[in-house]
Amino acid sequence: MAKLSPKIAWTPPPTTETTDYDETASTETGQKPRDFDRTRGAPGGKLKMTLGLPVGAIMNCCDNSGARNLYIISVKGIGARLNRLPAGGVGDMVMATVKKGKPELRKKVHPAVIVRQSKPWKRTDGVFLYFEDNAGVIVNPKGEMKGSAITGPVGKEAAELWPRIASNSGVVM
């Protein structure tokens, strides 16, 4: 008959109260900060927002590169879910083609950044914001603009993530 080992009572290790957020930071509502809601692998980390431009959407090109309309063919940094169209919001980089504009820009795939969307989204301070139209700018893969000026306002989310867009924009909202 095999000899049984003596039973040892298990005790949990000593716990120290740790949290994944700064307890000294407080908001007006008394909730913890929303830094843990960062998603989609955007550079610098981007907070969650309502995505208003799915694949297949056509948006205006609001720079002076010569393009008029951009057709979204994919969104960078979006994971997949069965039967869900990938979608982007303000500040997201997308791959787009030019539908109207200079012939040398058409029939090619360009990276672009969304700077305005007409679908309302909620910011962390509780404000709901939306623009009159959907618009984007053509950039290179590093985020430098092809054009030199932006017409119309630019969302703060895009300006914070892409400094070259912020420097070329007139109004940041």
Protein backbone atom coordinates (compact mmCIF):
# COMPACT_ATOMS: atom_id res chain seq x y z
CA MET A 1 0.00 0.00 0.00
CA ALA A 2 1.36 3.44 -0.95
CA LYS A 3 2.12 5.89 1.76
CA LEU A 4 0.00 9.05 1.62
CA SER A 5 1.67 12.41 2.05
CA PRO A 6 0.47 14.54 4.94
CA LYS A 7 -2.16 17.15 4.13
CA ILE A 8 -0.84 20.69 4.13
CA ALA A 9 -3.26 23.54 4.63
CA TRP A 10 -3.04 26.07 1.84
CA THR A 11 -2.87 29.71 2.81
CA PRO A 12 -3.18 32.48 0.25
CA PRO A 13 -0.20 34.80 -0.17
CA PRO A 14 -0.42 38.14 1.59
CA THR A 15 -2.26 40.64 -0.57
CA THR A 16 -1.48 44.28 -0.99
CA GLU A 17 -4.24 46.53 -2.18
CA THR A 18 -3.20 47.63 -5.66
CA THR A 19 -5.29 49.19 -8.37
CA ASP A 20 -4.65 49.65 -12.06
CA TYR A 21 -5.46 53.34 -11.90
CA ASP A 22 -4.35 56.40 -9.95
CA GLU A 23 -6.59 56.75 -6.91
CA THR A 24 -5.65 60.41 -6.50
CA ALA A 25 -7.07 61.30 -9.90
CA SER A 26 -10.75 62.01 -9.72
CA THR A 27 -13.41 63.15 -12.10
CA GLU A 28 -16.50 65.21 -11.47
CA THR A 29 -18.59 62.06 -11.25
CA GLY A 30 -16.25 60.37 -8.78
CA GLN A 31 -15.49 57.52 -11.19
CA LYS A 32 -12.06 56.20 -12.05
CA PRO A 33 -10.32 57.71 -15.09
CA ARG A 34 -11.04 56.21 -18.51
CA ASP A 35 -7.42 55.55 -19.49
CA PHE A 36 -8.18 51.84 -19.72
CA ASP A 37 -10.54 52.39 -22.67
CA ARG A 38 -7.75 52.79 -25.20
CA THR A 39 -8.26 50.75 -28.35
CA ARG A 40 -7.31 50.06 -31.95
CA GLY A 41 -3.54 50.42 -31.70
CA ALA A 42 -3.43 54.04 -32.83
CA PRO A 43 -0.11 55.75 -32.15
CA GLY A 44 -0.08 57.18 -28.64
CA GLY A 45 -3.23 55.33 -27.67
CA LYS A 46 -6.67 56.52 -28.63
CA LEU A 47 -9.79 56.53 -26.50
CA LYS A 48 -12.86 54.57 -27.55
CA MET A 49 -15.32 56.44 -29.74
CA THR A 50 -18.28 55.81 -32.00
CA LEU A 51 -17.00 54.68 -35.39
CA GLY A 52 -18.87 56.46 -38.13
CA LEU A 53 -17.14 55.47 -41.38
CA PRO A 54 -17.24 51.78 -42.38
CA VAL A 55 -15.49 50.22 -45.35
CA GLY A 56 -17.20 51.43 -48.51
CA ALA A 57 -17.91 54.94 -47.22
CA ILE A 58 -17.09 57.93 -49.41
CA MET A 59 -15.74 61.03 -47.68
CA ASN A 60 -14.55 64.42 -48.87
CA CYS A 61 -10.83 65.11 -49.17
CA CYS A 62 -10.25 68.39 -47.33
CA ASP A 63 -6.63 69.08 -48.28
CA ASN A 64 -5.15 70.70 -51.38
CA SER A 65 -3.58 67.52 -52.80
CA GLY A 66 -5.97 67.50 -55.78
CA ALA A 67 -8.31 64.74 -54.63
CA ARG A 68 -12.02 65.45 -54.15
CA ASN A 69 -13.57 62.20 -52.83
CA LEU A 70 -11.95 59.32 -50.93
CA TYR A 71 -13.41 55.79 -50.89
CA ILE A 72 -12.45 53.78 -47.79
CA ILE A 73 -11.24 50.26 -48.60
CA SER A 74 -9.78 49.27 -45.20
CA VAL A 75 -9.11 50.61 -41.70
CA LYS A 76 -5.71 50.20 -40.04
CA GLY A 77 -5.58 48.50 -36.65
CA ILE A 78 -9.09 47.04 -36.67
CA GLY A 79 -9.59 43.45 -35.55
CA ALA A 80 -12.10 41.20 -37.23
CA ARG A 81 -15.52 39.99 -36.14
CA LEU A 82 -17.77 37.78 -38.25
CA ASN A 83 -20.13 39.82 -40.47
CA ARG A 84 -18.96 43.18 -39.05
CA LEU A 85 -17.63 45.80 -41.43
CA PRO A 86 -14.39 47.41 -40.24
CA ALA A 87 -15.08 51.06 -39.42
CA GLY A 88 -13.01 54.09 -38.49
CA GLY A 89 -13.53 57.31 -36.59
CA VAL A 90 -11.79 60.66 -36.24
CA GLY A 91 -8.03 60.15 -35.98
CA ASP A 92 -7.96 56.67 -37.55
CA MET A 93 -5.75 55.86 -40.51
CA VAL A 94 -7.54 54.22 -43.43
CA MET A 95 -6.52 52.98 -46.84
CA ALA A 96 -8.49 54.84 -49.50
CA THR A 97 -8.77 55.36 -53.22
CA VAL A 98 -9.54 58.63 -54.97
CA LYS A 99 -12.90 58.58 -56.76
CA LYS A 100 -12.84 62.18 -58.05
CA GLY A 101 -9.76 64.29 -58.50
CA LYS A 102 -6.50 64.54 -60.40
CA PRO A 103 -5.91 61.63 -62.79
CA GLU A 104 -2.47 60.90 -61.29
CA LEU A 105 -4.11 60.27 -57.88
CA ARG A 106 -6.92 58.04 -59.17
CA LYS A 107 -6.73 54.23 -59.41
CA LYS A 108 -4.13 54.04 -56.63
CA VAL A 109 -4.40 53.16 -52.95
CA HIS A 110 -3.38 55.95 -50.56
CA PRO A 111 -3.21 56.06 -46.76
CA ALA A 112 -5.53 58.73 -45.34
CA VAL A 113 -6.52 60.01 -41.90
CA ILE A 114 -10.14 60.78 -40.98
CA VAL A 115 -10.43 64.34 -39.60
CA ARG A 116 -14.25 64.81 -39.50
CA GLN A 117 -17.27 62.52 -39.17
CA SER A 118 -20.96 63.31 -39.18
CA LYS A 119 -21.85 60.49 -36.74
CA PRO A 120 -22.01 61.92 -33.17
CA TRP A 121 -19.53 60.58 -30.61
CA LYS A 122 -19.12 61.23 -26.91
CA ARG A 123 -15.92 62.67 -25.50
CA THR A 124 -14.67 61.84 -22.01
CA ASP A 125 -15.84 65.24 -20.71
CA GLY A 126 -19.44 64.31 -21.64
CA VAL A 127 -19.77 66.47 -24.77
CA PHE A 128 -21.37 64.94 -27.86
CA LEU A 129 -19.71 66.23 -31.04
CA TYR A 130 -20.37 65.80 -34.75
CA PHE A 131 -19.44 67.61 -37.94
CA GLU A 132 -21.38 68.64 -41.01
CA ASP A 133 -19.61 66.15 -43.30
CA ASN A 134 -17.20 63.23 -43.39
CA ALA A 135 -13.71 64.28 -44.43
CA GLY A 136 -10.13 63.05 -44.50
CA VAL A 137 -6.67 63.99 -45.71
CA ILE A 138 -4.19 61.97 -47.76
CA VAL A 139 -0.96 61.20 -45.90
CA ASN A 140 2.10 59.02 -46.38
CA PRO A 141 2.62 55.95 -44.15
CA LYS A 142 4.54 58.08 -41.61
CA GLY A 143 1.64 60.52 -41.21
CA GLU A 144 3.03 63.45 -43.21
CA MET A 145 0.41 65.15 -45.38
CA LYS A 146 0.52 65.09 -49.17
CA GLY A 147 -1.09 68.53 -49.32
CA SER A 148 -0.06 71.66 -47.45
CA ALA A 149 -3.39 73.03 -46.13
CA ILE A 150 -6.65 71.74 -44.66
CA THR A 151 -10.00 73.38 -45.33
CA GLY A 152 -12.54 73.35 -42.52
CA PRO A 153 -12.26 72.24 -38.89
CA VAL A 154 -10.34 69.20 -37.66
CA GLY A 155 -11.32 66.96 -34.74
CA LYS A 156 -9.15 67.23 -31.63
CA GLU A 157 -8.65 63.45 -31.64
CA ALA A 158 -6.95 63.61 -35.06
CA ALA A 159 -4.88 66.67 -34.15
CA GLU A 160 -3.52 65.04 -30.98
CA LEU A 161 -2.50 61.83 -32.76
CA TRP A 162 -1.09 63.37 -35.95
CA PRO A 163 1.03 66.51 -35.31
CA ARG A 164 1.52 67.26 -39.03
CA ILE A 165 -2.25 67.45 -39.47
CA ALA A 166 -2.55 69.76 -36.45
CA SER A 167 0.08 72.14 -37.83
CA ASN A 168 -1.65 72.40 -41.23
CA SER A 169 -5.19 72.82 -39.90
CA GLY A 170 -6.90 76.14 -39.38
CA VAL A 171 -9.42 75.23 -36.67
CA VAL A 172 -9.14 72.34 -34.19
CA MET A 173 -12.39 71.42 -32.42
